[in-house]
Amino acid sequence: MREVYLTDANFQNFIHMLRVVEGLSAGLNTVLSRPVTLKEN
């Protein structure tokens, strides 16, 4: 284990990278891997 100094910026970066890894590890045909079609007004 390693001691980490937690700041708001460090925590936000951690959450962001956690979401990136979740998106990269999602399998095909999952909600995260489906393209989104935007509707035009």
N, C-alpha and C. Protein backbone atom coordinates (compact mmCIF):
# COMPACT_ATOMS: atom_id res chain seq x y z
N MET A 1 0.84 -1.17 0.00
CA MET A 1 0.00 0.00 0.00
C MET A 1 0.88 1.23 0.00
N ARG A 2 0.27 2.31 -0.42
CA ARG A 2 1.00 3.56 -0.52
C ARG A 2 0.11 4.70 -0.03
N GLU A 3 0.67 5.58 0.75
CA GLU A 3 -0.09 6.72 1.26
C GLU A 3 -0.32 7.74 0.14
N VAL A 4 -1.54 8.23 0.08
CA VAL A 4 -1.91 9.19 -0.96
C VAL A 4 -2.54 10.40 -0.28
N TYR A 5 -2.14 11.56 -0.71
CA TYR A 5 -2.74 12.80 -0.20
C TYR A 5 -3.94 13.13 -1.07
N LEU A 6 -5.09 13.09 -0.46
CA LEU A 6 -6.33 13.28 -1.20
C LEU A 6 -6.73 14.75 -1.20
N THR A 7 -6.86 15.28 -2.40
CA THR A 7 -7.39 16.64 -2.58
C THR A 7 -8.62 16.51 -3.47
N ASP A 8 -9.39 17.57 -3.57
CA ASP A 8 -10.57 17.55 -4.45
C ASP A 8 -10.16 17.26 -5.89
N ALA A 9 -9.07 17.88 -6.34
CA ALA A 9 -8.61 17.67 -7.72
C ALA A 9 -8.18 16.23 -7.94
N ASN A 10 -7.45 15.65 -6.98
CA ASN A 10 -7.02 14.26 -7.11
C ASN A 10 -8.22 13.33 -7.15
N PHE A 11 -9.20 13.58 -6.32
CA PHE A 11 -10.39 12.73 -6.29
C PHE A 11 -11.15 12.82 -7.60
N GLN A 12 -11.32 14.01 -8.14
CA GLN A 12 -12.02 14.18 -9.42
C GLN A 12 -11.28 13.47 -10.54
N ASN A 13 -9.94 13.56 -10.54
CA ASN A 13 -9.15 12.85 -11.55
C ASN A 13 -9.31 11.35 -11.42
N PHE A 14 -9.34 10.85 -10.19
CA PHE A 14 -9.53 9.42 -9.96
C PHE A 14 -10.88 8.96 -10.50
N ILE A 15 -11.93 9.71 -10.20
CA ILE A 15 -13.27 9.34 -10.67
C ILE A 15 -13.32 9.36 -12.20
N HIS A 16 -12.71 10.37 -12.81
CA HIS A 16 -12.69 10.47 -14.26
C HIS A 16 -11.99 9.25 -14.87
N MET A 17 -10.83 8.89 -14.35
CA MET A 17 -10.09 7.76 -14.90
C MET A 17 -10.83 6.44 -14.64
N LEU A 18 -11.53 6.35 -13.52
CA LEU A 18 -12.32 5.16 -13.23
C LEU A 18 -13.41 4.99 -14.29
N ARG A 19 -14.05 6.07 -14.68
CA ARG A 19 -15.08 6.02 -15.72
C ARG A 19 -14.49 5.68 -17.08
N VAL A 20 -13.30 6.18 -17.36
CA VAL A 20 -12.62 5.86 -18.63
C VAL A 20 -12.34 4.36 -18.69
N VAL A 21 -11.80 3.80 -17.61
CA VAL A 21 -11.50 2.37 -17.57
C VAL A 21 -12.77 1.54 -17.69
N GLU A 22 -13.84 1.96 -17.03
CA GLU A 22 -15.11 1.25 -17.14
C GLU A 22 -15.60 1.24 -18.59
N GLY A 23 -15.44 2.37 -19.27
CA GLY A 23 -15.86 2.45 -20.67
C GLY A 23 -15.00 1.59 -21.58
N LEU A 24 -13.70 1.55 -21.31
CA LEU A 24 -12.81 0.75 -22.14
C LEU A 24 -12.99 -0.75 -21.91
N SER A 25 -13.38 -1.12 -20.71
CA SER A 25 -13.51 -2.54 -20.40
C SER A 25 -14.92 -3.08 -20.68
N ALA A 26 -15.84 -2.21 -21.08
CA ALA A 26 -17.20 -2.67 -21.40
C ALA A 26 -17.15 -3.51 -22.66
N GLY A 27 -17.87 -4.59 -22.66
CA GLY A 27 -17.91 -5.47 -23.82
C GLY A 27 -18.73 -4.87 -24.94
N LEU A 28 -18.63 -5.50 -26.09
CA LEU A 28 -19.44 -5.05 -27.22
C LEU A 28 -20.91 -5.30 -26.93
N ASN A 29 -21.76 -4.51 -27.55
CA ASN A 29 -23.21 -4.59 -27.38
C ASN A 29 -23.67 -4.27 -25.96
N THR A 30 -22.93 -3.45 -25.27
CA THR A 30 -23.37 -2.96 -23.98
C THR A 30 -23.78 -1.52 -24.15
N VAL A 31 -24.40 -0.98 -23.15
CA VAL A 31 -24.88 0.40 -23.22
C VAL A 31 -23.71 1.36 -23.48
N LEU A 32 -22.56 1.10 -22.85
CA LEU A 32 -21.42 2.00 -23.02
C LEU A 32 -20.81 1.93 -24.40
N SER A 33 -21.01 0.81 -25.13
CA SER A 33 -20.37 0.67 -26.43
C SER A 33 -21.28 1.04 -27.60
N ARG A 34 -22.55 1.34 -27.32
CA ARG A 34 -23.48 1.66 -28.40
C ARG A 34 -23.33 3.12 -28.83
N PRO A 35 -23.34 3.38 -30.13
CA PRO A 35 -23.30 4.77 -30.59
C PRO A 35 -24.61 5.49 -30.27
N VAL A 36 -24.53 6.77 -30.12
CA VAL A 36 -25.69 7.58 -29.80
C VAL A 36 -26.05 8.40 -31.03
N THR A 37 -27.31 8.42 -31.40
CA THR A 37 -27.77 9.23 -32.52
C THR A 37 -28.46 10.46 -31.96
N LEU A 38 -27.97 11.63 -32.33
CA LEU A 38 -28.55 12.88 -31.85
C LEU A 38 -29.66 13.32 -32.80
N LYS A 39 -30.74 13.79 -32.22
CA LYS A 39 -31.86 14.27 -33.03
C LYS A 39 -31.64 15.73 -33.36
N GLU A 40 -31.96 16.09 -34.60
CA GLU A 40 -31.87 17.49 -35.01
C GLU A 40 -33.20 18.18 -34.73
N ASN A 41 -33.15 19.41 -34.29
CA ASN A 41 -34.38 20.17 -34.01
C ASN A 41 -34.90 20.81 -35.25
